Structure formats: C-alpha cells, structure tokens
Amino acid sequence: MRTRGPVRLQVMGPPQRWCTITIVAPDGAELVNCELRGRGDPDLRAVDDVAQVALLAKRLGGHVTLRTPAPRLRELLELAGLGAC
C-alpha cells in the first residue's frame, strides 16, 4: 500500500473584479450593469460568461460594453475573437 504525503490546501483570496459588463439597448440605454468576479486570474470560463452575455445582448438587438477589464481577461477575449466587446 502506498502512502501519500501531506495534503496541501491552497487558500485563495477574496474574489477579484475582472470587469463590469453593460448590456446596451439599440437606443443606447443601459439595460443591465453587472460585475464579473472570480478568484485568481480570469480563465476561459470568464470568456464564456462574457460571450453568453454578448449573445443575449445581440438577440435583444443591442450590444455589450466592458468597463475596466483585467489585463488577463482582455488578452483572453482577444484570443477568443471577442476583443470588440
């Protein structure tokens, strides 16, 4: 029987704000403002979240804007082809 070494728990800090997402109506009115938050650096799940909101906004005839996106999130959005959000 093989024994394992000590288990290390990784303690993560509080959630960080990655960006503020705004859904903008076709007439320019801001419909929804929400913050995208998470622990550590943004990952592809955050990109998926932005893409889902952007798709919803497009279906409503509007668009999304991102305010003060974290540098890592901006890089991932560019990589995924969503840099225009």
C-alpha atoms as a PDB file:
ATOM      1  CA  MET A   1       0.000   0.000   0.000  1.00  0.00           C
ATOM      2  CA  ARG A   2       1.358   3.365  -0.990  1.00  0.00           C
ATOM      3  CA  THR A   3       1.034   6.250   1.405  1.00  0.00           C
ATOM      4  CA  ARG A   4       0.620   9.810   0.335  1.00  0.00           C
ATOM      5  CA  GLY A   5       2.482  12.804   1.617  1.00  0.00           C
ATOM      6  CA  PRO A   6       0.800  15.648   3.443  1.00  0.00           C
ATOM      7  CA  VAL A   7      -2.136  17.302   1.727  1.00  0.00           C
ATOM      8  CA  ARG A   8      -1.633  20.973   0.920  1.00  0.00           C
ATOM      9  CA  LEU A   9      -4.644  23.199   0.794  1.00  0.00           C
ATOM     10  CA  GLN A  10      -4.459  26.164  -1.498  1.00  0.00           C
ATOM     11  CA  VAL A  11      -6.054  29.165   0.115  1.00  0.00           C
ATOM     12  CA  MET A  12      -7.346  31.654  -2.384  1.00  0.00           C
ATOM     13  CA  GLY A  13      -8.025  35.264  -1.615  1.00  0.00           C
ATOM     14  CA  PRO A  14     -11.343  37.023  -1.964  1.00  0.00           C
ATOM     15  CA  PRO A  15     -12.944  37.305  -5.411  1.00  0.00           C
ATOM     16  CA  GLN A  16     -11.475  39.989  -7.655  1.00  0.00           C
ATOM     17  CA  ARG A  17     -13.404  42.158 -10.087  1.00  0.00           C
ATOM     18  CA  TRP A  18     -12.445  41.181 -13.615  1.00  0.00           C
ATOM     19  CA  CYS A  19     -14.682  43.708 -15.409  1.00  0.00           C
ATOM     20  CA  THR A  20     -18.046  45.420 -15.442  1.00  0.00           C
ATOM     21  CA  ILE A  21     -20.366  44.226 -18.216  1.00  0.00           C
ATOM     22  CA  THR A  22     -23.073  46.566 -19.504  1.00  0.00           C
ATOM     23  CA  ILE A  23     -25.870  45.478 -21.820  1.00  0.00           C
ATOM     24  CA  VAL A  24     -26.775  48.407 -24.059  1.00  0.00           C
ATOM     25  CA  ALA A  25     -30.146  48.553 -25.834  1.00  0.00           C
ATOM     26  CA  PRO A  26     -30.444  49.504 -29.519  1.00  0.00           C
ATOM     27  CA  ASP A  27     -31.438  53.044 -28.481  1.00  0.00           C
ATOM     28  CA  GLY A  28     -28.280  53.392 -26.365  1.00  0.00           C
ATOM     29  CA  ALA A  29     -29.967  52.953 -22.987  1.00  0.00           C
ATOM     30  CA  GLU A  30     -28.037  50.871 -20.457  1.00  0.00           C
ATOM     31  CA  LEU A  31     -30.234  47.928 -19.529  1.00  0.00           C
ATOM     32  CA  VAL A  32     -28.028  45.991 -17.121  1.00  0.00           C
ATOM     33  CA  ASN A  33     -24.724  46.555 -15.338  1.00  0.00           C
ATOM     34  CA  CYS A  34     -23.083  43.613 -13.630  1.00  0.00           C
ATOM     35  CA  GLU A  35     -19.634  42.779 -12.340  1.00  0.00           C
ATOM     36  CA  LEU A  36     -17.762  39.695 -13.422  1.00  0.00           C
ATOM     37  CA  ARG A  37     -15.740  38.454 -10.463  1.00  0.00           C
ATOM     38  CA  GLY A  38     -13.668  35.441  -9.628  1.00  0.00           C
ATOM     39  CA  ARG A  39     -10.743  34.150  -7.647  1.00  0.00           C
ATOM     40  CA  GLY A  40      -7.314  34.414  -9.187  1.00  0.00           C
ATOM     41  CA  ASP A  41      -6.802  35.239 -12.841  1.00  0.00           C
ATOM     42  CA  PRO A  42      -9.677  35.076 -15.343  1.00  0.00           C
ATOM     43  CA  ASP A  43      -9.884  31.859 -17.332  1.00  0.00           C
ATOM     44  CA  LEU A  44     -11.854  30.512 -20.276  1.00  0.00           C
ATOM     45  CA  ARG A  45     -14.943  30.221 -18.094  1.00  0.00           C
ATOM     46  CA  ALA A  46     -14.896  34.021 -17.742  1.00  0.00           C
ATOM     47  CA  VAL A  47     -14.586  34.339 -21.527  1.00  0.00           C
ATOM     48  CA  ASP A  48     -17.592  32.037 -21.899  1.00  0.00           C
ATOM     49  CA  ASP A  49     -19.566  34.191 -19.457  1.00  0.00           C
ATOM     50  CA  VAL A  50     -18.806  37.326 -21.478  1.00  0.00           C
ATOM     51  CA  ALA A  51     -19.715  35.514 -24.715  1.00  0.00           C
ATOM     52  CA  GLN A  52     -23.059  34.369 -23.277  1.00  0.00           C
ATOM     53  CA  VAL A  53     -23.971  37.902 -22.198  1.00  0.00           C
ATOM     54  CA  ALA A  54     -22.868  39.285 -25.577  1.00  0.00           C
ATOM     55  CA  LEU A  55     -25.055  36.729 -27.355  1.00  0.00           C
ATOM     56  CA  LEU A  56     -28.048  37.666 -25.205  1.00  0.00           C
ATOM     57  CA  ALA A  57     -27.487  41.357 -25.915  1.00  0.00           C
ATOM     58  CA  LYS A  58     -27.253  40.686 -29.651  1.00  0.00           C
ATOM     59  CA  ARG A  59     -30.504  38.717 -29.583  1.00  0.00           C
ATOM     60  CA  LEU A  60     -32.129  41.735 -27.936  1.00  0.00           C
ATOM     61  CA  GLY A  61     -30.766  43.946 -30.718  1.00  0.00           C
ATOM     62  CA  GLY A  62     -28.154  45.600 -28.514  1.00  0.00           C
ATOM     63  CA  HIS A  63     -24.532  45.073 -27.594  1.00  0.00           C
ATOM     64  CA  VAL A  64     -22.271  44.826 -24.561  1.00  0.00           C
ATOM     65  CA  THR A  65     -19.529  47.066 -23.304  1.00  0.00           C
ATOM     66  CA  LEU A  66     -16.827  46.066 -20.852  1.00  0.00           C
ATOM     67  CA  ARG A  67     -15.510  48.606 -18.401  1.00  0.00           C
ATOM     68  CA  THR A  68     -12.023  48.294 -16.941  1.00  0.00           C
ATOM     69  CA  PRO A  69     -11.384  44.672 -17.928  1.00  0.00           C
ATOM     70  CA  ALA A  70      -8.498  42.973 -16.155  1.00  0.00           C
ATOM     71  CA  PRO A  71      -5.448  42.713 -18.439  1.00  0.00           C
ATOM     72  CA  ARG A  72      -5.570  38.896 -18.437  1.00  0.00           C
ATOM     73  CA  LEU A  73      -9.286  38.901 -19.333  1.00  0.00           C
ATOM     74  CA  ARG A  74      -8.611  41.357 -22.168  1.00  0.00           C
ATOM     75  CA  GLU A  75      -5.891  39.029 -23.509  1.00  0.00           C
ATOM     76  CA  LEU A  76      -8.185  36.001 -23.381  1.00  0.00           C
ATOM     77  CA  LEU A  77     -11.039  37.877 -25.076  1.00  0.00           C
ATOM     78  CA  GLU A  78      -8.679  38.954 -27.878  1.00  0.00           C
ATOM     79  CA  LEU A  79      -7.514  35.351 -28.274  1.00  0.00           C
ATOM     80  CA  ALA A  80     -11.134  34.155 -28.494  1.00  0.00           C
ATOM     81  CA  GLY A  81     -12.039  36.806 -31.061  1.00  0.00           C
ATOM     82  CA  LEU A  82     -14.175  38.804 -28.633  1.00  0.00           C
ATOM     83  CA  GLY A  83     -11.857  41.784 -28.331  1.00  0.00           C
ATOM     84  CA  ALA A  84     -14.507  44.125 -29.731  1.00  0.00           C
ATOM     85  CA  CYS A  85     -16.786  43.627 -26.710  1.00  0.00           C
END
